[in-house]
C-alpha atoms as a PDB file:
ATOM      1  CA  MET A   1      -3.993  18.689  27.911  1.00  0.00           C
ATOM      2  CA  SER A   2      -2.215  18.082  24.624  1.00  0.00           C
ATOM      3  CA  SER A   3      -3.811  18.440  21.251  1.00  0.00           C
ATOM      4  CA  GLN A   4      -2.567  16.306  18.418  1.00  0.00           C
ATOM      5  CA  VAL A   5      -1.728  18.006  15.155  1.00  0.00           C
ATOM      6  CA  PRO A   6      -2.377  15.909  12.065  1.00  0.00           C
ATOM      7  CA  HIS A   7       0.762  14.709  10.342  1.00  0.00           C
ATOM      8  CA  VAL A   8       0.870  16.703   7.081  1.00  0.00           C
ATOM      9  CA  ASN A   9       3.677  14.727   5.454  1.00  0.00           C
ATOM     10  CA  CYS A  10       1.814  11.461   5.182  1.00  0.00           C
ATOM     11  CA  GLY A  11       0.678   9.873   1.946  1.00  0.00           C
ATOM     12  CA  THR A  12       0.702  12.148  -1.068  1.00  0.00           C
ATOM     13  CA  GLY A  13       1.625  15.049   1.224  1.00  0.00           C
ATOM     14  CA  SER A  14       5.125  13.622   1.377  1.00  0.00           C
ATOM     15  CA  ALA A  15       7.582  14.734  -1.284  1.00  0.00           C
ATOM     16  CA  ARG A  16       8.930  11.161  -1.380  1.00  0.00           C
ATOM     17  CA  ALA A  17       5.570   9.476  -2.045  1.00  0.00           C
ATOM     18  CA  LYS A  18       5.602   7.059  -4.969  1.00  0.00           C
ATOM     19  CA  LEU A  19       1.932   6.151  -4.767  1.00  0.00           C
ATOM     20  CA  THR A  20      -1.323   8.069  -4.851  1.00  0.00           C
ATOM     21  CA  ASP A  21      -4.331   7.477  -2.626  1.00  0.00           C
ATOM     22  CA  LYS A  22      -6.140   5.840  -5.566  1.00  0.00           C
ATOM     23  CA  GLN A  23      -3.266   3.429  -6.142  1.00  0.00           C
ATOM     24  CA  VAL A  24      -3.200   2.437  -2.473  1.00  0.00           C
ATOM     25  CA  LEU A  25      -6.929   1.756  -2.529  1.00  0.00           C
ATOM     26  CA  ALA A  26      -6.502  -0.286  -5.731  1.00  0.00           C
ATOM     27  CA  ILE A  27      -3.760  -2.364  -4.103  1.00  0.00           C
ATOM     28  CA  ARG A  28      -5.933  -3.071  -1.074  1.00  0.00           C
ATOM     29  CA  ALA A  29      -8.932  -3.924  -3.261  1.00  0.00           C
ATOM     30  CA  ALA A  30      -6.856  -6.291  -5.405  1.00  0.00           C
ATOM     31  CA  ARG A  31      -5.458  -8.135  -2.407  1.00  0.00           C
ATOM     32  CA  ALA A  32      -8.907  -8.305  -0.771  1.00  0.00           C
ATOM     33  CA  LYS A  33     -10.064 -10.458  -3.700  1.00  0.00           C
ATOM     34  CA  VAL A  34      -7.398 -13.069  -2.995  1.00  0.00           C
ATOM     35  CA  HIS A  35      -8.555 -16.077  -1.004  1.00  0.00           C
ATOM     36  CA  CYS A  36      -5.103 -17.615  -0.697  1.00  0.00           C
ATOM     37  CA  ARG A  37      -2.523 -15.310   0.885  1.00  0.00           C
ATOM     38  CA  LYS A  38       0.456 -17.188  -0.582  1.00  0.00           C
ATOM     39  CA  LEU A  39       0.414 -16.743  -4.330  1.00  0.00           C
ATOM     40  CA  PRO A  40       3.215 -17.692  -6.698  1.00  0.00           C
ATOM     41  CA  PRO A  41       5.390 -14.745  -7.795  1.00  0.00           C
ATOM     42  CA  GLY A  42       3.957 -14.783 -11.342  1.00  0.00           C
ATOM     43  CA  HIS A  43       0.333 -14.392 -10.254  1.00  0.00           C
ATOM     44  CA  PRO A  44      -1.004 -10.914 -11.170  1.00  0.00           C
ATOM     45  CA  LEU A  45      -2.271 -10.280  -7.626  1.00  0.00           C
ATOM     46  CA  SER A  46       0.844 -11.463  -5.798  1.00  0.00           C
ATOM     47  CA  VAL A  47       2.800  -8.932  -3.782  1.00  0.00           C
ATOM     48  CA  TYR A  48       5.654  -9.444  -6.254  1.00  0.00           C
ATOM     49  CA  SER A  49       3.521  -8.524  -9.268  1.00  0.00           C
ATOM     50  CA  LEU A  50       1.860  -5.585  -7.520  1.00  0.00           C
ATOM     51  CA  ALA A  51       5.245  -4.264  -6.393  1.00  0.00           C
ATOM     52  CA  ALA A  52       6.569  -4.437  -9.956  1.00  0.00           C
ATOM     53  CA  LYS A  53       3.416  -2.825 -11.366  1.00  0.00           C
ATOM     54  CA  TYR A  54       3.559   0.154  -8.991  1.00  0.00           C
ATOM     55  CA  GLY A  55       7.341   0.475  -8.814  1.00  0.00           C
ATOM     56  CA  VAL A  56       7.704  -0.107  -5.086  1.00  0.00           C
ATOM     57  CA  CYS A  57       9.255  -2.870  -3.001  1.00  0.00           C
ATOM     58  CA  ILE A  58       7.432  -5.970  -1.818  1.00  0.00           C
ATOM     59  CA  ALA A  59       7.531  -4.785   1.786  1.00  0.00           C
ATOM     60  CA  THR A  60       5.665  -1.613   0.814  1.00  0.00           C
ATOM     61  CA  ILE A  61       2.826  -3.632  -0.715  1.00  0.00           C
ATOM     62  CA  SER A  62       2.674  -5.841   2.369  1.00  0.00           C
ATOM     63  CA  ARG A  63       2.592  -2.843   4.702  1.00  0.00           C
ATOM     64  CA  ILE A  64      -0.175  -1.208   2.666  1.00  0.00           C
ATOM     65  CA  VAL A  65      -2.270  -4.383   2.736  1.00  0.00           C
ATOM     66  CA  HIS A  66      -1.760  -4.852   6.487  1.00  0.00           C
ATOM     67  CA  ARG A  67      -2.419  -1.132   7.066  1.00  0.00           C
ATOM     68  CA  THR A  68       0.851  -0.350   8.795  1.00  0.00           C
ATOM     69  CA  ARG A  69       1.524   2.215   6.061  1.00  0.00           C
ATOM     70  CA  TRP A  70      -0.908   4.593   4.453  1.00  0.00           C
ATOM     71  CA  THR A  71      -3.105   4.232   7.526  1.00  0.00           C
ATOM     72  CA  HIS A  72      -4.811   7.572   6.948  1.00  0.00           C
ATOM     73  CA  ILE A  73      -6.902   6.146   4.085  1.00  0.00           C
END
């Protein structure tokens, strides 16, 4: 029988984290309000605008929204 140890270096536990838990939740909440998934780059809720606002790449925003990153919250 193997017991799983929680990963302690995830999210803000990582020294390389650029976002906080609150920021991740804000990103998800902002994108949840969007009815159209394809927004023009200038729209304030586009992945481009959110990436610029939080200082991360577009892929990071996409992964947060699709819950492939920051899955612990």
